[in-house]
């Protein structure tokens, strides 16, 4: 059955109040797919129907997957009794994610009706800084003392496992409530009944602290191939856990932020389709204005070039300016993408600056040499065949026109090669400096504890454009004065 057919079946079951069909769908269809269908339902009575007839073991997860607008409608329509039942079937971290998107009066009502223990957990999570381990952790987990036997542990899992975020990892503490290790479910199953958790637990565990950045936590999951991780406070007491499903959400969120930053757009809080046009515009406008201001430096350099005698005398030189600027930007763009990716995945950091700059400098020399050599050949051919322009040049005081090689003799041949040499030399300098700047900018920004994706690209573009234009001017003037070519 296709995805469209499944969605039509869900919608039909809700609209026609087919209880048995709906129950079967909840058992066979992923909850997120049902939530996507319900996000498009306007009628509140239809929206509430699944919550009235479907087992609470499904509706808690369903509520967490709905959009904040639909969640608000449901909370407003629920009685306190219904709301308490819903909260009891939801995880604290999911409730916190919901509350952060809802109006203050809704939050107050949820906290007022929530059971004491759940309210305590919610308040605890709400007090942690945004995007930290504490803000994304869940407080529903299986924690046991290290003296508990395997038989007792399995009984506890059977009794309390349904209320825990995961049963595949048991978190072990000592008599002082200090976190001391973990036990995987498979190790527990294959252990002897009279063994204690202290006998079989893994003491070489990985944990994080409540104030650790969520991106660092995600990288730890990747590095150590984890399914769950303990979150500790400053006394090394376990206060919550983070599971792999939370990490997947973090990875998607961080990737979206990096893509938005590289595109010079502020990240969206909601999905693209749920974001109004005016808010999209507000996200774009600041960066465009910043880039206009930064572009002033490029304009200043270009204006200086256009007023220099040699560029006035040999106007064809101006024709190569866009190519020089684009090549420098493209060369640096390749490197800066690698740097931001490596910094994001913690493959390297500012402390590796010397090692990275040495490697990239060598790479830049090779790339710049190849680009310069190709540029010399390519631009010579362009001028000889007249592809670039048919501008008139002055050769030994006599007007000559570049077109189909008609003037490819004597002094004109020397001038053509000189122009190619100037452009190729500028390509070499621009490509080399562009790659070096593309290394230094992200590492420098990361050293200041800022996101390199936000500021690196626009600054790189400005620096490379200005440096390429200045190099072009100096090289052209140097060729003119030193060799008397023009």
Protein backbone atom coordinates (compact mmCIF):
# COMPACT_ATOMS: atom_id res chain seq x y z
CA UNK A 1 0.00 0.00 0.00
CA UNK A 2 1.42 3.40 -1.00
CA UNK A 3 2.04 6.26 1.44
CA UNK A 4 -0.83 8.27 -0.06
CA UNK A 5 -3.22 5.33 0.33
CA UNK A 6 -2.21 4.88 3.98
CA UNK A 7 -2.80 8.58 4.70
CA UNK A 8 -6.20 8.45 2.99
CA UNK A 9 -7.08 5.39 5.05
CA UNK A 10 -6.12 7.17 8.30
CA UNK A 11 -8.10 10.28 7.43
CA UNK A 12 -11.11 8.23 6.38
CA UNK A 13 -11.03 6.22 9.64
CA UNK A 14 -10.94 9.43 11.71
CA UNK A 15 -13.61 11.28 9.74
CA UNK A 16 -15.98 8.28 9.72
CA UNK A 17 -15.09 7.35 13.31
CA UNK A 18 -14.13 3.77 12.44
CA UNK A 19 -12.75 2.73 15.81
CA UNK A 20 -11.58 -0.78 14.88
CA UNK A 21 -9.85 0.39 11.71
CA UNK A 22 -8.16 3.21 13.61
CA UNK A 23 -6.93 0.85 16.34
CA UNK A 24 -5.46 -1.46 13.71
CA UNK A 25 -3.76 1.48 12.01
CA UNK A 26 -2.18 2.62 15.28
CA UNK A 27 -0.72 -0.86 15.70
CA UNK A 28 0.69 -1.08 12.17
CA UNK A 29 1.45 2.48 11.00
CA UNK A 30 4.29 4.63 12.46
CA UNK A 31 2.92 7.28 14.80
CA UNK A 32 4.65 10.10 12.92
CA UNK A 33 2.64 9.23 9.79
CA UNK A 34 -0.63 9.42 11.72
CA UNK A 35 0.44 12.74 13.25
CA UNK A 36 1.15 14.21 9.81
CA UNK A 37 -2.42 13.41 8.75
CA UNK A 38 -3.87 14.88 11.96
CA UNK A 39 -1.85 18.09 11.55
CA UNK A 40 -4.10 18.94 8.59
CA UNK A 41 -7.36 18.41 10.49
CA UNK A 42 -9.19 21.63 11.39
CA UNK A 43 -12.21 20.16 13.19
CA UNK A 44 -11.30 19.88 16.90
CA UNK A 45 -13.81 17.07 17.49
CA UNK A 46 -12.08 14.97 14.83
CA UNK A 47 -8.71 15.90 16.26
CA UNK A 48 -9.75 14.62 19.68
CA UNK A 49 -11.36 11.42 18.41
CA UNK A 50 -8.21 9.24 18.41
CA UNK A 51 -7.43 10.38 21.97
CA UNK A 52 -10.90 9.23 23.07
CA UNK A 53 -10.80 5.74 21.56
CA UNK A 54 -7.13 4.73 21.26
CA UNK A 55 -5.08 3.24 24.10
CA UNK A 56 -3.04 5.76 26.06
CA UNK A 57 0.15 3.86 25.26
CA UNK A 58 -0.15 5.29 21.73
CA UNK A 59 -1.67 8.71 22.34
CA UNK A 60 1.21 10.01 24.47
CA UNK A 61 3.62 9.51 21.58
CA UNK A 62 1.04 10.81 19.10
CA UNK A 63 0.63 14.05 21.03
CA UNK A 64 4.42 14.61 21.05
CA UNK A 65 4.56 14.29 17.24
CA UNK A 66 1.79 16.81 16.53
CA UNK A 67 2.48 20.43 15.60
CA UNK A 68 2.37 23.01 18.39
CA UNK A 69 -0.86 24.48 16.94
CA UNK A 70 -2.64 21.13 17.16
CA UNK A 71 -1.22 20.46 20.63
CA UNK A 72 -2.60 23.78 21.85
CA UNK A 73 -6.06 22.95 20.45
CA UNK A 74 -6.04 19.58 22.22
CA UNK A 75 -4.93 20.98 25.58
CA UNK A 76 -7.61 23.69 25.42
CA UNK A 77 -10.28 21.09 24.62
CA UNK A 78 -9.20 18.60 27.31
CA UNK A 79 -10.56 18.57 30.81
CA UNK A 80 -8.02 18.51 33.66
CA UNK A 81 -8.68 14.79 34.08
CA UNK A 82 -7.97 14.08 30.39
CA UNK A 83 -4.88 16.28 30.47
CA UNK A 84 -3.47 14.48 33.51
CA UNK A 85 -3.98 11.14 31.77
CA UNK A 86 -2.18 12.43 28.68
CA UNK A 87 0.72 13.81 30.71
CA UNK A 88 1.13 10.55 32.58
CA UNK A 89 1.58 8.74 29.26
CA UNK A 90 4.14 11.26 27.96
CA UNK A 91 7.84 11.56 28.68
CA UNK A 92 9.03 14.64 30.56
CA UNK A 93 11.43 15.72 27.80
CA UNK A 94 8.65 15.52 25.21
CA UNK A 95 6.40 17.60 27.46
CA UNK A 96 9.14 20.20 27.84
CA UNK A 97 9.61 20.38 24.06
CA UNK A 98 5.85 20.98 23.77
CA UNK A 99 5.73 23.65 26.50
CA UNK A 100 8.55 25.64 24.90
CA UNK A 101 6.32 26.23 21.86
CA UNK A 102 3.10 27.08 23.72
CA UNK A 103 1.71 30.32 25.25
CA UNK A 104 2.37 31.05 28.92
CA UNK A 105 -1.24 30.43 30.01
CA UNK A 106 -1.14 26.92 28.50
CA UNK A 107 2.18 26.19 30.20
CA UNK A 108 0.77 27.33 33.55
CA UNK A 109 -2.24 25.04 33.19
CA UNK A 110 -0.09 22.02 32.27
CA UNK A 111 2.20 22.59 35.26
CA UNK A 112 -0.80 23.09 37.53
CA UNK A 113 -2.48 19.78 36.67
CA UNK A 114 0.70 17.69 36.27
CA UNK A 115 1.38 15.14 39.05
CA UNK A 116 3.95 16.31 41.62
CA UNK A 117 6.81 14.09 40.44
CA UNK A 118 6.22 14.94 36.79
CA UNK A 119 5.98 18.67 37.55
CA UNK A 120 9.30 18.45 39.38
CA UNK A 121 10.92 16.79 36.36
CA UNK A 122 9.47 19.35 33.96
CA UNK A 123 10.66 22.29 36.06
CA UNK A 124 14.07 20.70 36.32
CA UNK A 125 14.36 20.39 32.53
CA UNK A 126 12.99 23.89 31.92
CA UNK A 127 15.72 25.40 34.11
CA UNK A 128 18.58 24.19 31.92
CA UNK A 129 20.02 26.47 29.24
CA UNK A 130 18.75 25.95 25.71
CA UNK A 131 20.73 23.52 23.53
CA UNK A 132 22.48 21.90 26.50
CA UNK A 133 22.40 18.26 27.53
CA UNK A 134 20.14 19.16 30.46
CA UNK A 135 17.55 20.74 28.18
CA UNK A 136 17.17 17.65 25.99
CA UNK A 137 17.54 14.85 28.54
CA UNK A 138 14.70 12.72 29.85
CA UNK A 139 14.25 11.85 33.51
CA UNK A 140 12.42 8.58 32.84
CA UNK A 141 15.12 5.91 32.96
CA UNK A 142 16.01 2.71 34.81
CA UNK A 143 18.42 3.42 37.65
CA UNK A 144 19.47 0.64 40.05
CA UNK A 145 21.89 0.17 42.88
CA UNK A 146 25.06 -1.79 42.16
CA UNK A 147 24.21 -4.38 44.84
CA UNK A 148 20.98 -5.43 43.08
CA UNK A 149 21.04 -9.00 41.73
CA UNK A 150 20.36 -9.89 38.12
CA UNK A 151 17.08 -11.58 39.11
CA UNK A 152 15.92 -8.48 41.00
CA UNK A 153 16.94 -6.23 38.11
CA UNK A 154 14.89 -8.21 35.59
CA UNK A 155 11.86 -8.05 37.90
CA UNK A 156 12.29 -4.28 38.17
CA UNK A 157 12.44 -3.96 34.39
CA UNK A 158 9.20 -5.93 34.05
CA UNK A 159 7.51 -3.73 36.65
CA UNK A 160 8.81 -0.29 35.58
CA UNK A 161 10.19 -0.73 32.08
CA UNK A 162 7.11 0.60 30.28
CA UNK A 163 7.53 3.99 31.94
CA UNK A 164 11.21 4.28 30.99
CA UNK A 165 12.59 5.91 27.85
CA UNK A 166 14.70 2.81 27.20
CA UNK A 167 15.10 -0.65 28.76
CA UNK A 168 18.18 -1.57 26.75
CA UNK A 169 20.55 0.25 29.09
CA UNK A 170 20.36 0.17 32.90
CA UNK A 171 22.20 2.92 34.77
CA UNK A 172 23.94 1.82 37.97
CA UNK A 173 24.69 3.89 41.10
CA UNK A 174 26.43 3.18 44.37
CA UNK A 175 25.24 3.72 47.95
CA UNK A 176 26.11 7.44 47.69
CA UNK A 177 23.99 7.74 44.52
CA UNK A 178 27.13 8.34 42.44
CA UNK A 179 26.88 7.00 38.89
CA UNK A 180 29.28 4.06 38.57
CA UNK A 181 28.40 2.13 35.40
CA UNK A 182 25.93 0.74 32.90
CA UNK A 183 24.48 -2.68 32.14
CA UNK A 184 23.14 -3.60 28.71
CA UNK A 185 19.98 -5.67 28.54
CA UNK A 186 21.67 -8.52 26.67
CA UNK A 187 24.39 -8.78 29.34
CA UNK A 188 21.67 -8.89 31.98
CA UNK A 189 19.73 -11.66 30.24
CA UNK A 190 22.76 -13.92 29.86
CA UNK A 191 24.08 -13.36 33.42
CA UNK A 192 23.41 -15.66 36.36
CA UNK A 193 20.48 -14.80 38.64
CA UNK A 194 22.61 -14.42 41.77
CA UNK A 195 25.22 -12.13 40.19
CA UNK A 196 25.00 -8.47 41.13
CA UNK A 197 25.02 -5.54 38.76
CA UNK A 198 28.43 -4.64 40.19
CA UNK A 199 29.74 -7.95 38.83
CA UNK A 200 28.57 -7.44 35.24
CA UNK A 201 28.35 -3.67 34.75
CA UNK A 202 30.50 -1.73 32.31
CA UNK A 203 32.71 0.67 34.26
CA UNK A 204 34.24 2.14 31.11
CA UNK A 205 31.15 4.22 30.40
CA UNK A 206 30.70 7.50 28.54
CA UNK A 207 28.68 10.28 30.14
CA UNK A 208 28.09 14.01 29.78
CA UNK A 209 27.22 16.86 32.12
CA UNK A 210 24.04 18.90 32.18
CA UNK A 211 25.69 22.03 30.75
CA UNK A 212 27.48 20.30 27.85
CA UNK A 213 26.50 21.57 24.40
CA UNK A 214 24.01 19.32 22.61
CA UNK A 215 26.21 19.20 19.48
CA UNK A 216 29.11 17.87 21.57
CA UNK A 217 26.77 15.23 22.96
CA UNK A 218 25.72 14.18 19.45
CA UNK A 219 29.36 13.82 18.43
CA UNK A 220 29.99 11.62 21.48
CA UNK A 221 27.14 9.33 20.42
CA UNK A 222 28.73 9.03 16.99
CA UNK A 223 32.26 8.53 18.29
CA UNK A 224 31.37 5.83 20.82
CA UNK A 225 28.43 4.24 18.95
CA UNK A 226 25.98 4.73 21.84
CA UNK A 227 22.27 4.09 22.21
CA UNK A 228 21.89 6.00 25.49
CA UNK A 229 24.07 8.21 27.68
CA UNK A 230 23.87 9.31 31.30
CA UNK A 231 23.64 13.03 32.08
CA UNK A 232 25.42 13.97 35.32
CA UNK A 233 25.37 17.01 37.57
CA UNK A 234 28.47 18.59 39.10
CA UNK A 235 28.47 15.98 41.90
CA UNK A 236 28.52 13.17 39.29
CA UNK A 237 25.00 12.14 40.25
CA UNK A 238 22.86 10.95 37.35
CA UNK A 239 19.94 13.32 36.76
CA UNK A 240 18.74 12.11 33.37
CA UNK A 241 19.64 10.34 30.16
CA UNK A 242 19.81 11.14 26.46
CA UNK A 243 18.78 8.49 23.93
CA UNK A 244 19.65 8.03 20.27
CA UNK A 245 16.27 9.32 19.07
CA UNK A 246 17.01 12.64 20.79
CA UNK A 247 20.42 12.73 19.09
CA UNK A 248 18.90 12.21 15.64
CA UNK A 249 16.76 15.31 16.24
CA UNK A 250 19.87 17.24 17.32
CA UNK A 251 21.81 16.22 14.22
CA UNK A 252 18.97 17.35 11.95
CA UNK A 253 18.60 20.63 13.86
CA UNK A 254 22.33 21.41 13.81
CA UNK A 255 22.61 20.48 10.12
CA UNK A 256 19.70 22.79 9.30
CA UNK A 257 21.36 25.61 11.23
CA UNK A 258 24.67 25.12 9.41
CA UNK A 259 23.00 25.02 5.99
CA UNK A 260 21.02 28.16 6.84
CA UNK A 261 24.16 29.92 8.08
CA UNK A 262 26.17 28.99 4.99
CA UNK A 263 23.32 30.36 2.88
CA UNK A 264 23.30 33.58 4.93
CA UNK A 265 19.81 32.91 6.28
CA UNK A 266 18.91 32.83 9.97
CA UNK A 267 17.69 29.33 10.97
CA UNK A 268 13.93 28.71 10.93
CA UNK A 269 12.19 27.77 14.18
CA UNK A 270 9.38 25.95 12.34
CA UNK A 271 9.32 23.92 9.15
CA UNK A 272 9.55 25.74 5.81
CA UNK A 273 5.87 25.24 4.98
CA UNK A 274 4.76 26.44 8.43
CA UNK A 275 6.84 29.63 8.31
CA UNK A 276 4.98 32.75 7.05
CA UNK A 277 6.44 34.68 4.10
CA UNK A 278 7.09 37.80 6.20
CA UNK A 279 9.14 35.78 8.70
CA UNK A 280 11.13 34.21 5.85
CA UNK A 281 11.90 37.71 4.60
CA UNK A 282 13.01 38.86 8.06
CA UNK A 283 15.41 35.90 8.19
CA UNK A 284 16.99 36.85 4.84
CA UNK A 285 17.15 40.66 4.97
CA UNK A 286 19.82 41.17 7.72
CA UNK A 287 22.41 39.05 5.92
CA UNK A 288 21.72 40.71 2.58
CA UNK A 289 22.27 44.14 4.19
CA UNK A 290 25.49 42.95 5.84
CA UNK A 291 26.77 41.62 2.50
CA UNK A 292 25.94 44.94 0.82
CA UNK A 293 28.03 46.74 3.44
CA UNK A 294 30.90 44.28 3.08
CA UNK A 295 30.66 44.63 -0.70
CA UNK A 296 31.64 48.30 -0.33
CA UNK A 297 35.26 47.25 0.15
CA UNK A 298 35.16 45.37 -3.16
CA UNK A 299 33.66 48.42 -4.87
CA UNK A 300 36.44 50.63 -3.48
CA UNK A 301 39.13 48.30 -4.81
CA UNK A 302 37.44 48.02 -8.19
CA UNK A 303 37.07 51.81 -8.43
CA UNK A 304 40.81 52.21 -7.78
CA UNK A 305 41.58 49.76 -10.58
CA UNK A 306 39.34 51.49 -13.11
CA UNK A 307 41.06 54.84 -12.43
CA UNK A 308 44.59 53.44 -12.81
CA UNK A 309 46.30 54.47 -16.05
CA UNK A 310 47.26 51.00 -17.20
CA UNK A 311 43.69 49.73 -16.95
CA UNK A 312 42.46 52.78 -18.83
CA UNK A 313 45.06 52.23 -21.52
CA UNK A 314 44.45 48.48 -21.75
CA UNK A 315 40.68 48.11 -21.14
CA UNK A 316 40.76 44.38 -21.86
CA UNK A 317 42.33 43.92 -18.42
CA UNK A 318 39.01 44.92 -16.84
CA UNK A 319 37.31 42.05 -18.68
CA UNK A 320 39.12 39.50 -16.53
CA UNK A 321 38.04 40.96 -13.16
CA UNK A 322 34.85 38.81 -12.75
CA UNK A 323 36.82 35.62 -13.52
CA UNK A 324 39.52 36.51 -10.98
CA UNK A 325 36.98 37.24 -8.24
CA UNK A 326 34.87 34.15 -8.95
CA UNK A 327 37.88 31.81 -9.03
CA UNK A 328 39.18 33.09 -5.69
CA UNK A 329 35.74 32.69 -4.10
CA UNK A 330 35.25 29.21 -5.53
CA UNK A 331 38.68 28.04 -4.40
CA UNK A 332 38.16 29.33 -0.87
CA UNK A 333 34.59 28.02 -0.78
CA UNK A 334 35.83 24.45 -1.26
CA UNK A 335 38.21 24.76 1.67
CA UNK A 336 35.85 26.56 4.01
CA UNK A 337 33.23 23.85 3.53
CA UNK A 338 35.77 21.22 4.63
CA UNK A 339 36.83 23.33 7.61
CA UNK A 340 33.29 23.94 8.86
CA UNK A 341 32.41 20.27 8.44
CA UNK A 342 35.54 19.15 10.31
CA UNK A 343 34.93 21.64 13.14
CA UNK A 344 31.29 20.60 13.35
CA UNK A 345 32.13 16.90 13.71
CA UNK A 346 35.04 17.66 16.10
CA UNK A 347 37.49 15.97 13.72
CA UNK A 348 39.86 18.85 14.52
CA UNK A 349 39.80 22.16 16.35
CA UNK A 350 41.68 25.47 16.78
CA UNK A 351 44.47 23.61 18.62
CA UNK A 352 45.34 21.87 15.33
CA UNK A 353 45.88 25.20 13.55
CA UNK A 354 49.57 24.75 12.64
CA UNK A 355 49.06 21.22 11.35
CA UNK A 356 46.05 22.23 9.26
CA UNK A 357 47.52 25.45 7.85
CA UNK A 358 50.68 23.57 6.83
CA UNK A 359 48.68 20.94 4.97
CA UNK A 360 46.36 23.47 3.33
CA UNK A 361 49.27 25.76 2.36
CA UNK A 362 50.87 22.90 0.43
CA UNK A 363 47.51 22.01 -1.12
CA UNK A 364 46.98 25.69 -1.98
CA UNK A 365 50.37 25.90 -3.73
CA UNK A 366 49.56 22.87 -5.88
CA UNK A 367 46.07 24.12 -6.71
CA UNK A 368 47.27 27.69 -7.38
CA UNK A 369 50.09 26.50 -9.64
CA UNK A 370 47.74 24.33 -11.69
CA UNK A 371 45.11 27.08 -11.89
CA UNK A 372 47.72 29.68 -12.86
CA UNK A 373 49.28 27.49 -15.55
CA UNK A 374 45.92 26.61 -17.04
CA UNK A 375 44.85 30.25 -16.82
CA UNK A 376 47.91 31.43 -18.77
CA UNK A 377 47.21 29.00 -21.62
CA UNK A 378 43.45 29.60 -21.58
CA UNK A 379 43.59 33.40 -21.58
CA UNK A 380 46.23 33.44 -24.32
CA UNK A 381 43.95 31.32 -26.51
CA UNK A 382 40.97 33.53 -25.61
CA UNK A 383 42.78 36.68 -26.73
CA UNK A 384 44.21 35.13 -29.87
CA UNK A 385 40.84 33.82 -31.02
CA UNK A 386 38.98 36.96 -29.99
CA UNK A 387 36.63 35.11 -27.60
CA UNK A 388 37.05 37.64 -24.81
CA UNK A 389 36.64 40.97 -26.56
CA UNK A 390 37.27 43.04 -29.64
CA UNK A 391 38.47 46.05 -27.63
CA UNK A 392 41.13 48.23 -29.26
CA UNK A 393 44.56 48.14 -27.63
CA UNK A 394 47.57 50.45 -28.09
CA UNK A 395 50.71 48.66 -29.26
CA UNK A 396 53.72 50.89 -29.67
CA UNK A 397 51.41 53.83 -30.17
CA UNK A 398 49.44 52.17 -32.96
CA UNK A 399 45.83 51.10 -32.44
CA UNK A 400 45.38 47.33 -32.80
CA UNK A 401 42.22 45.24 -32.47
CA UNK A 402 42.04 41.77 -30.87
CA UNK A 403 39.87 39.70 -33.17
CA UNK A 404 40.55 36.31 -34.68
CA UNK A 405 44.32 36.72 -34.33
CA UNK A 406 44.59 39.43 -36.97
CA UNK A 407 47.19 41.35 -34.98
CA UNK A 408 49.15 38.39 -33.67
CA UNK A 409 52.55 39.82 -34.66
CA UNK A 410 55.52 41.45 -33.01
CA UNK A 411 54.76 43.73 -30.09
CA UNK A 412 51.13 42.67 -30.01
CA UNK A 413 52.14 39.06 -29.40
CA UNK A 414 54.28 40.15 -26.46
CA UNK A 415 51.45 42.22 -25.06
CA UNK A 416 48.98 39.34 -25.38
CA UNK A 417 51.33 37.02 -23.49
CA UNK A 418 51.92 39.74 -20.90
CA UNK A 419 48.18 40.11 -20.27
CA UNK A 420 47.84 36.34 -19.87
CA UNK A 421 50.81 36.34 -17.50
CA UNK A 422 49.30 39.09 -15.34
CA UNK A 423 45.92 37.34 -15.14
CA UNK A 424 47.53 33.93 -14.49
CA UNK A 425 49.76 35.39 -11.76
CA UNK A 426 46.75 36.98 -10.11
CA UNK A 427 44.92 33.65 -10.27
CA UNK A 428 47.90 32.02 -8.55
CA UNK A 429 48.05 34.62 -5.77
CA UNK A 430 44.27 34.79 -5.35
CA UNK A 431 43.79 31.00 -5.22
CA UNK A 432 46.64 30.54 -2.75
CA UNK A 433 45.53 33.30 -0.40
CA UNK A 434 41.88 32.27 -0.70
CA UNK A 435 42.58 28.76 0.54
CA UNK A 436 44.77 30.06 3.39
CA UNK A 437 42.13 32.57 4.50
CA UNK A 438 39.47 29.84 4.24
CA UNK A 439 41.45 27.88 6.83
CA UNK A 440 42.21 30.74 9.21
CA UNK A 441 38.72 32.26 9.35
CA UNK A 442 36.74 29.21 10.59
CA UNK A 443 39.47 28.18 13.02
CA UNK A 444 39.72 31.73 14.36
CA UNK A 445 35.96 32.03 14.80
CA UNK A 446 35.82 28.60 16.48
CA UNK A 447 38.58 29.69 18.87
CA UNK A 448 36.27 32.55 19.95
CA UNK A 449 33.56 29.93 20.73
CA UNK A 450 31.33 31.14 17.89
CA UNK A 451 29.72 29.20 15.06
CA UNK A 452 32.13 29.47 12.09
CA UNK A 453 29.35 28.81 9.57
CA UNK A 454 27.65 32.11 10.46
CA UNK A 455 30.46 34.58 9.73
CA UNK A 456 33.12 32.75 7.74
CA UNK A 457 31.58 32.68 4.25
CA UNK A 458 30.61 36.37 3.83
CA UNK A 459 33.91 37.57 5.32
CA UNK A 460 35.84 35.13 3.11
CA UNK A 461 34.11 36.45 -0.01
CA UNK A 462 34.93 40.05 0.86
CA UNK A 463 38.57 39.40 1.76
CA UNK A 464 39.21 37.26 -1.32
CA UNK A 465 37.59 39.78 -3.67
CA UNK A 466 39.57 42.71 -2.26
CA UNK A 467 42.87 40.79 -2.12
CA UNK A 468 42.44 39.51 -5.69
CA UNK A 469 41.75 43.01 -7.01
CA UNK A 470 44.69 44.55 -5.14
CA UNK A 471 46.98 41.75 -6.32
CA UNK A 472 45.76 42.29 -9.89
CA UNK A 473 46.50 46.02 -9.65
CA UNK A 474 49.98 45.54 -8.16
CA UNK A 475 50.98 42.80 -10.59
CA UNK A 476 49.83 44.86 -13.60
CA UNK A 477 51.66 47.95 -12.37
CA UNK A 478 54.77 45.90 -11.59
CA UNK A 479 54.80 44.37 -15.06
CA UNK A 480 54.43 47.81 -16.61
CA UNK A 481 57.21 49.48 -14.60
CA UNK A 482 59.69 46.62 -14.42
CA UNK A 483 59.44 45.26 -17.93
CA UNK A 484 58.07 48.20 -19.88
CA UNK A 485 55.68 45.90 -21.67
CA UNK A 486 52.79 48.34 -22.03
